[in-house]
N, C-alpha and C. Protein backbone atom coordinates (compact mmCIF):
# COMPACT_ATOMS: atom_id res chain seq x y z
N MET A 1 0.83 -1.19 0.00
CA MET A 1 0.00 0.00 0.00
C MET A 1 0.87 1.26 0.00
N ASN A 2 2.00 1.24 0.67
CA ASN A 2 2.90 2.38 0.73
C ASN A 2 3.46 2.72 -0.65
N ASP A 3 3.83 1.70 -1.42
CA ASP A 3 4.36 1.93 -2.76
C ASP A 3 3.32 2.56 -3.66
N GLU A 4 2.09 2.11 -3.54
CA GLU A 4 1.02 2.67 -4.36
C GLU A 4 0.76 4.13 -3.98
N ALA A 5 0.75 4.44 -2.70
CA ALA A 5 0.53 5.81 -2.24
C ALA A 5 1.65 6.73 -2.73
N THR A 6 2.88 6.25 -2.69
CA THR A 6 4.01 7.04 -3.17
C THR A 6 3.87 7.30 -4.67
N LEU A 7 3.49 6.28 -5.41
CA LEU A 7 3.28 6.42 -6.85
C LEU A 7 2.18 7.45 -7.15
N ILE A 8 1.08 7.36 -6.41
CA ILE A 8 -0.04 8.28 -6.61
C ILE A 8 0.38 9.71 -6.28
N ARG A 9 1.10 9.90 -5.15
CA ARG A 9 1.57 11.23 -4.77
C ARG A 9 2.48 11.81 -5.86
N GLY A 10 3.37 10.99 -6.38
CA GLY A 10 4.27 11.44 -7.45
C GLY A 10 3.50 11.83 -8.70
N THR A 11 2.50 11.04 -9.04
CA THR A 11 1.67 11.33 -10.21
C THR A 11 0.91 12.64 -10.02
N ILE A 12 0.35 12.83 -8.84
CA ILE A 12 -0.38 14.07 -8.54
C ILE A 12 0.55 15.27 -8.64
N GLU A 13 1.75 15.14 -8.10
CA GLU A 13 2.73 16.23 -8.17
C GLU A 13 3.11 16.54 -9.62
N ASP A 14 3.35 15.51 -10.41
CA ASP A 14 3.69 15.70 -11.82
C ASP A 14 2.58 16.40 -12.58
N ILE A 15 1.35 15.97 -12.35
CA ILE A 15 0.21 16.58 -13.03
C ILE A 15 0.06 18.03 -12.59
N GLY A 16 0.23 18.31 -11.30
CA GLY A 16 0.15 19.68 -10.80
C GLY A 16 1.18 20.58 -11.45
N GLN A 17 2.42 20.10 -11.55
CA GLN A 17 3.48 20.88 -12.20
C GLN A 17 3.17 21.10 -13.68
N SER A 18 2.64 20.08 -14.31
CA SER A 18 2.28 20.20 -15.73
C SER A 18 1.18 21.24 -15.92
N ILE A 19 0.21 21.25 -15.02
CA ILE A 19 -0.88 22.23 -15.10
C ILE A 19 -0.33 23.64 -14.94
N GLU A 20 0.54 23.86 -13.97
CA GLU A 20 1.14 25.17 -13.76
C GLU A 20 1.92 25.62 -14.99
N HIS A 21 2.68 24.70 -15.58
CA HIS A 21 3.43 25.02 -16.79
C HIS A 21 2.48 25.42 -17.92
N LEU A 22 1.40 24.68 -18.09
CA LEU A 22 0.44 24.98 -19.14
C LEU A 22 -0.27 26.32 -18.91
N LYS A 23 -0.55 26.63 -17.66
CA LYS A 23 -1.17 27.93 -17.36
C LYS A 23 -0.25 29.07 -17.75
N LEU A 24 1.03 28.94 -17.42
CA LEU A 24 2.00 29.98 -17.78
C LEU A 24 2.12 30.11 -19.30
N GLU A 25 2.15 28.97 -19.97
CA GLU A 25 2.25 28.98 -21.43
C GLU A 25 0.99 29.60 -22.05
N ALA A 26 -0.17 29.28 -21.49
CA ALA A 26 -1.42 29.86 -22.01
C ALA A 26 -1.44 31.37 -21.81
N LEU A 27 -0.94 31.85 -20.68
CA LEU A 27 -0.86 33.29 -20.43
C LEU A 27 0.08 33.95 -21.43
N ARG A 28 1.23 33.33 -21.67
CA ARG A 28 2.18 33.87 -22.64
C ARG A 28 1.56 33.93 -24.03
N ILE A 29 0.90 32.88 -24.43
CA ILE A 29 0.27 32.83 -25.76
C ILE A 29 -0.85 33.86 -25.84
N SER A 30 -1.63 34.00 -24.79
CA SER A 30 -2.71 34.97 -24.78
C SER A 30 -2.18 36.38 -24.95
N LYS A 31 -1.10 36.73 -24.25
CA LYS A 31 -0.50 38.05 -24.38
C LYS A 31 0.06 38.27 -25.78
N GLU A 32 0.70 37.25 -26.32
CA GLU A 32 1.26 37.35 -27.67
C GLU A 32 0.14 37.54 -28.70
N LEU A 33 -0.94 36.79 -28.54
CA LEU A 33 -2.08 36.90 -29.45
C LEU A 33 -2.69 38.30 -29.38
N GLU A 34 -2.88 38.81 -28.17
CA GLU A 34 -3.45 40.14 -28.01
C GLU A 34 -2.55 41.19 -28.65
N ALA A 35 -1.24 41.05 -28.47
CA ALA A 35 -0.30 42.01 -29.07
C ALA A 35 -0.38 41.97 -30.58
N LYS A 36 -0.45 40.77 -31.16
CA LYS A 36 -0.51 40.66 -32.63
C LYS A 36 -1.84 41.19 -33.16
N GLU A 37 -2.94 40.94 -32.45
CA GLU A 37 -4.23 41.47 -32.88
C GLU A 37 -4.23 43.00 -32.82
N THR A 38 -3.61 43.55 -31.79
CA THR A 38 -3.50 45.00 -31.66
C THR A 38 -2.67 45.58 -32.80
N ARG A 39 -1.56 44.92 -33.11
CA ARG A 39 -0.71 45.37 -34.23
C ARG A 39 -1.48 45.32 -35.55
N LEU A 40 -2.20 44.23 -35.77
CA LEU A 40 -2.98 44.08 -36.99
C LEU A 40 -4.01 45.20 -37.11
N ALA A 41 -4.71 45.49 -36.03
CA ALA A 41 -5.71 46.55 -36.06
C ALA A 41 -5.05 47.91 -36.32
N ALA A 42 -3.89 48.14 -35.73
CA ALA A 42 -3.17 49.40 -35.93
C ALA A 42 -2.75 49.55 -37.39
N TRP A 43 -2.24 48.50 -37.99
CA TRP A 43 -1.83 48.57 -39.39
C TRP A 43 -3.04 48.77 -40.30
N ASN A 44 -4.16 48.15 -39.97
CA ASN A 44 -5.37 48.36 -40.76
C ASN A 44 -5.84 49.81 -40.66
N ARG A 45 -5.78 50.38 -39.44
CA ARG A 45 -6.15 51.78 -39.27
C ARG A 45 -5.22 52.68 -40.10
N ARG A 46 -3.93 52.38 -40.05
CA ARG A 46 -2.95 53.18 -40.81
C ARG A 46 -3.22 53.08 -42.31
N LEU A 47 -3.53 51.88 -42.77
CA LEU A 47 -3.84 51.67 -44.18
C LEU A 47 -5.06 52.50 -44.59
N GLN A 48 -6.07 52.52 -43.74
CA GLN A 48 -7.26 53.32 -44.03
C GLN A 48 -6.93 54.81 -44.03
N GLN A 49 -6.04 55.25 -43.15
CA GLN A 49 -5.67 56.66 -43.07
C GLN A 49 -4.98 57.14 -44.35
N ILE A 50 -4.21 56.28 -44.97
CA ILE A 50 -3.49 56.70 -46.17
C ILE A 50 -4.27 56.42 -47.44
N GLY A 51 -5.54 56.03 -47.28
CA GLY A 51 -6.40 55.85 -48.43
C GLY A 51 -6.43 54.45 -48.98
N GLY A 52 -5.77 53.53 -48.30
CA GLY A 52 -5.83 52.13 -48.72
C GLY A 52 -7.13 51.51 -48.23
N VAL A 53 -7.27 50.29 -48.49
CA VAL A 53 -8.47 49.58 -48.08
C VAL A 53 -8.07 48.56 -47.02
N SER A 54 -8.90 48.39 -46.04
CA SER A 54 -8.64 47.40 -44.99
C SER A 54 -8.67 46.00 -45.59
N VAL A 55 -7.83 45.15 -45.06
CA VAL A 55 -7.76 43.78 -45.56
C VAL A 55 -9.03 43.04 -45.16
N PRO A 56 -9.74 42.43 -46.13
CA PRO A 56 -10.97 41.70 -45.81
C PRO A 56 -10.70 40.57 -44.82
N GLY A 57 -11.64 40.38 -43.93
CA GLY A 57 -11.53 39.28 -42.98
C GLY A 57 -10.72 39.60 -41.73
N THR A 58 -10.14 40.79 -41.68
CA THR A 58 -9.39 41.14 -40.47
C THR A 58 -10.31 41.83 -39.49
N ILE A 59 -9.94 41.78 -38.25
CA ILE A 59 -10.79 42.35 -37.23
C ILE A 59 -10.24 43.70 -36.78
N SER A 60 -11.14 44.55 -36.40
CA SER A 60 -10.76 45.83 -35.84
C SER A 60 -10.97 45.72 -34.34
N LEU A 61 -9.89 45.83 -33.58
CA LEU A 61 -9.99 45.66 -32.15
C LEU A 61 -10.21 46.98 -31.45
N ARG A 62 -11.12 46.99 -30.58
CA ARG A 62 -11.35 48.14 -29.73
C ARG A 62 -11.55 47.59 -28.34
N ARG A 63 -10.78 48.11 -27.41
CA ARG A 63 -10.88 47.63 -26.04
C ARG A 63 -12.21 48.07 -25.45
N PRO A 64 -12.75 47.28 -24.52
CA PRO A 64 -14.01 47.68 -23.88
C PRO A 64 -13.85 49.01 -23.15
N ARG A 65 -14.93 49.73 -23.04
CA ARG A 65 -14.92 51.03 -22.37
C ARG A 65 -14.37 50.87 -20.95
N GLY A 66 -13.41 51.70 -20.60
CA GLY A 66 -12.82 51.67 -19.26
C GLY A 66 -11.62 50.75 -19.13
N ALA A 67 -11.34 49.93 -20.15
CA ALA A 67 -10.24 48.97 -20.06
C ALA A 67 -8.88 49.67 -20.02
N ASN A 68 -8.70 50.71 -20.81
CA ASN A 68 -7.43 51.44 -20.80
C ASN A 68 -7.21 52.08 -19.44
N LEU A 69 -8.24 52.71 -18.93
CA LEU A 69 -8.17 53.36 -17.63
C LEU A 69 -7.83 52.35 -16.53
N SER A 70 -8.46 51.21 -16.59
CA SER A 70 -8.20 50.15 -15.61
C SER A 70 -6.77 49.64 -15.70
N ALA A 71 -6.28 49.42 -16.91
CA ALA A 71 -4.92 48.91 -17.10
C ALA A 71 -3.88 49.92 -16.59
N ILE A 72 -4.10 51.19 -16.88
CA ILE A 72 -3.17 52.23 -16.43
C ILE A 72 -3.20 52.34 -14.91
N THR A 73 -4.39 52.30 -14.35
CA THR A 73 -4.52 52.38 -12.89
C THR A 73 -3.80 51.23 -12.22
N LYS A 74 -3.96 50.02 -12.74
CA LYS A 74 -3.28 48.86 -12.16
C LYS A 74 -1.77 48.99 -12.25
N ALA A 75 -1.28 49.49 -13.37
CA ALA A 75 0.16 49.68 -13.53
C ALA A 75 0.69 50.68 -12.52
N LEU A 76 -0.04 51.77 -12.32
CA LEU A 76 0.40 52.79 -11.37
C LEU A 76 0.26 52.31 -9.92
N GLN A 77 -0.74 51.49 -9.65
CA GLN A 77 -0.89 50.93 -8.30
C GLN A 77 0.30 50.04 -7.95
N ALA A 78 0.85 49.38 -8.95
CA ALA A 78 1.98 48.47 -8.73
C ALA A 78 3.30 49.20 -8.57
N SER A 79 3.30 50.49 -8.87
CA SER A 79 4.54 51.27 -8.81
C SER A 79 4.61 52.06 -7.51
N GLN A 80 5.77 52.01 -6.88
CA GLN A 80 5.98 52.77 -5.65
C GLN A 80 6.28 54.24 -5.93
N THR A 81 6.99 54.49 -7.03
CA THR A 81 7.50 55.83 -7.29
C THR A 81 6.82 56.55 -8.44
N GLY A 82 5.90 55.91 -9.12
CA GLY A 82 5.28 56.49 -10.29
C GLY A 82 5.97 55.98 -11.55
N LEU A 83 5.36 56.22 -12.69
CA LEU A 83 5.89 55.74 -13.97
C LEU A 83 5.83 56.85 -15.01
N GLY A 84 6.82 56.86 -15.88
CA GLY A 84 6.77 57.73 -17.04
C GLY A 84 5.75 57.17 -18.02
N ALA A 85 5.28 58.00 -18.93
CA ALA A 85 4.29 57.56 -19.90
C ALA A 85 4.80 56.38 -20.73
N ALA A 86 6.09 56.40 -21.09
CA ALA A 86 6.65 55.29 -21.87
C ALA A 86 6.65 53.99 -21.06
N GLU A 87 6.91 54.10 -19.76
CA GLU A 87 6.88 52.91 -18.91
C GLU A 87 5.46 52.37 -18.78
N ILE A 88 4.50 53.27 -18.69
CA ILE A 88 3.10 52.84 -18.62
C ILE A 88 2.73 52.13 -19.91
N GLN A 89 3.14 52.69 -21.04
CA GLN A 89 2.85 52.08 -22.34
C GLN A 89 3.45 50.69 -22.43
N LYS A 90 4.70 50.56 -22.00
CA LYS A 90 5.37 49.27 -22.07
C LYS A 90 4.72 48.26 -21.12
N THR A 91 4.38 48.71 -19.92
CA THR A 91 3.78 47.82 -18.91
C THR A 91 2.40 47.34 -19.33
N THR A 92 1.59 48.24 -19.87
CA THR A 92 0.21 47.89 -20.20
C THR A 92 0.06 47.30 -21.59
N GLY A 93 1.01 47.63 -22.49
CA GLY A 93 0.88 47.19 -23.87
C GLY A 93 -0.11 48.01 -24.67
N LEU A 94 -0.59 49.10 -24.08
CA LEU A 94 -1.54 49.96 -24.78
C LEU A 94 -0.83 50.83 -25.82
N PRO A 95 -1.53 51.25 -26.84
CA PRO A 95 -0.93 52.17 -27.80
C PRO A 95 -0.56 53.49 -27.10
N TRP A 96 0.50 54.10 -27.58
CA TRP A 96 1.01 55.34 -27.00
C TRP A 96 -0.08 56.40 -26.90
N SER A 97 -0.84 56.58 -27.96
CA SER A 97 -1.88 57.61 -27.96
C SER A 97 -2.96 57.33 -26.92
N SER A 98 -3.26 56.06 -26.68
CA SER A 98 -4.26 55.71 -25.67
C SER A 98 -3.76 56.03 -24.27
N VAL A 99 -2.48 55.77 -24.02
CA VAL A 99 -1.90 56.09 -22.71
C VAL A 99 -1.95 57.59 -22.49
N GLN A 100 -1.45 58.36 -23.47
CA GLN A 100 -1.42 59.81 -23.35
C GLN A 100 -2.83 60.38 -23.15
N GLY A 101 -3.75 59.90 -23.97
CA GLY A 101 -5.13 60.39 -23.87
C GLY A 101 -5.77 60.08 -22.54
N SER A 102 -5.59 58.85 -22.06
CA SER A 102 -6.19 58.46 -20.78
C SER A 102 -5.62 59.26 -19.62
N LEU A 103 -4.31 59.48 -19.64
CA LEU A 103 -3.67 60.23 -18.56
C LEU A 103 -4.17 61.68 -18.55
N LYS A 104 -4.25 62.28 -19.72
CA LYS A 104 -4.61 63.70 -19.79
C LYS A 104 -6.11 63.94 -19.62
N ARG A 105 -6.93 62.98 -20.01
CA ARG A 105 -8.38 63.15 -19.88
C ARG A 105 -8.90 62.83 -18.48
N ASN A 106 -8.03 62.34 -17.61
CA ASN A 106 -8.50 61.92 -16.28
C ASN A 106 -7.67 62.55 -15.16
N PRO A 107 -7.67 63.89 -15.08
CA PRO A 107 -6.89 64.55 -14.04
C PRO A 107 -7.40 64.26 -12.63
N GLU A 108 -8.63 63.78 -12.53
CA GLU A 108 -9.15 63.43 -11.21
C GLU A 108 -8.54 62.12 -10.69
N LEU A 109 -7.91 61.35 -11.58
CA LEU A 109 -7.28 60.09 -11.20
C LEU A 109 -5.76 60.16 -11.18
N PHE A 110 -5.18 60.88 -12.15
CA PHE A 110 -3.74 60.84 -12.35
C PHE A 110 -3.12 62.23 -12.21
N ILE A 111 -1.91 62.26 -11.69
CA ILE A 111 -1.17 63.50 -11.56
C ILE A 111 0.26 63.26 -12.04
N GLU A 112 0.80 64.24 -12.76
CA GLU A 112 2.17 64.13 -13.24
C GLU A 112 3.07 65.03 -12.39
N GLU A 113 4.14 64.44 -11.89
CA GLU A 113 5.12 65.19 -11.10
C GLU A 113 6.50 64.79 -11.59
N ASN A 114 7.26 65.78 -12.07
CA ASN A 114 8.62 65.54 -12.54
C ASN A 114 8.70 64.44 -13.60
N GLY A 115 7.74 64.43 -14.50
CA GLY A 115 7.74 63.46 -15.59
C GLY A 115 7.23 62.08 -15.22
N LEU A 116 6.85 61.89 -13.96
CA LEU A 116 6.31 60.59 -13.52
C LEU A 116 4.83 60.75 -13.21
N TRP A 117 4.06 59.78 -13.67
CA TRP A 117 2.63 59.78 -13.41
C TRP A 117 2.36 58.94 -12.17
N ARG A 118 1.45 59.43 -11.34
CA ARG A 118 1.04 58.73 -10.13
C ARG A 118 -0.49 58.80 -10.03
N LEU A 119 -1.02 57.92 -9.21
CA LEU A 119 -2.44 58.04 -8.89
C LEU A 119 -2.60 59.15 -7.87
N ARG A 120 -3.66 59.90 -8.00
CA ARG A 120 -3.96 60.91 -6.99
C ARG A 120 -4.32 60.18 -5.70
N PRO A 121 -4.19 60.84 -4.56
CA PRO A 121 -4.63 60.21 -3.32
C PRO A 121 -6.08 59.76 -3.46
N GLU A 122 -6.39 58.65 -2.84
CA GLU A 122 -7.72 58.05 -3.03
C GLU A 122 -8.86 58.98 -2.68
N SER A 123 -8.66 59.89 -1.76
CA SER A 123 -9.73 60.81 -1.38
C SER A 123 -10.13 61.71 -2.55
N MET A 124 -9.23 61.87 -3.53
CA MET A 124 -9.52 62.74 -4.67
C MET A 124 -9.95 61.97 -5.91
N GLN A 125 -9.92 60.65 -5.86
CA GLN A 125 -10.24 59.85 -7.04
C GLN A 125 -11.74 59.56 -7.11
N ILE A 126 -12.20 59.42 -8.33
CA ILE A 126 -13.57 58.95 -8.49
C ILE A 126 -13.55 57.44 -8.39
N ASP A 127 -14.69 56.85 -8.20
CA ASP A 127 -14.78 55.42 -8.00
C ASP A 127 -14.62 54.67 -9.33
N LEU A 128 -13.51 53.92 -9.46
CA LEU A 128 -13.26 53.18 -10.71
C LEU A 128 -14.33 52.14 -10.97
N VAL A 129 -14.90 51.59 -9.92
CA VAL A 129 -15.97 50.61 -10.11
C VAL A 129 -17.13 51.25 -10.82
N ALA A 130 -17.42 52.49 -10.48
CA ALA A 130 -18.52 53.20 -11.14
C ALA A 130 -18.20 53.42 -12.61
N ILE A 131 -16.95 53.73 -12.93
CA ILE A 131 -16.55 53.93 -14.33
C ILE A 131 -16.72 52.62 -15.09
N ASN A 132 -16.17 51.55 -14.54
CA ASN A 132 -16.23 50.28 -15.23
C ASN A 132 -17.66 49.75 -15.29
N GLY A 133 -18.43 50.01 -14.26
CA GLY A 133 -19.83 49.57 -14.26
C GLY A 133 -20.64 50.32 -15.31
N ALA A 134 -20.39 51.63 -15.42
CA ALA A 134 -21.11 52.44 -16.41
C ALA A 134 -20.72 52.03 -17.81
N ALA A 135 -19.52 51.53 -17.97
CA ALA A 135 -19.04 51.13 -19.30
C ALA A 135 -19.81 49.92 -19.82
N LYS A 136 -20.38 49.14 -18.93
CA LYS A 136 -21.07 47.92 -19.35
C LYS A 136 -22.46 48.22 -19.87
N HIS A 137 -22.96 49.42 -19.59
CA HIS A 137 -24.33 49.75 -19.99
C HIS A 137 -24.35 50.55 -21.25
C-alpha cells in the first residue's frame, strides 16, 4: 500500500506541475495573441488613413470602455515611485496615444510630477468601479 501511495503522490505532483506550466504557457500565448491582434488593427487603421483599403476578414480591435483606464490604474498601483508615460505604455501594452489620452483626460485620477505619473490620493479619485460599471451599460 505504501508503494502505491508514493506512486499516486508522485503522479499528482507531476500533473500539478504540468498544469502550472500549461497555465503559464497559455498566459504567454494569450498576451502574444493580443499584441498581434492589436498590431494588426493598428496597421489596418494606418492603411485606411493613407487611403488604402482594410484587408478583408481582419478584425478591428477596440478595447471595452474603461479597459485602458483600468490597465493604467493597475500599472500605477503596482509602482511605488510612479511611472513615465513610456513605462506605462510598455507595462500595459496599450498604444502610445491611448496612454497619453487616458492620462490627460483623467486629471481626477492621475497627476504628473517631474515626468512621472502617479495616482492621486484616493480621497480625490472617483470610483473606478462606477466607471467600469457604467461602461457595461
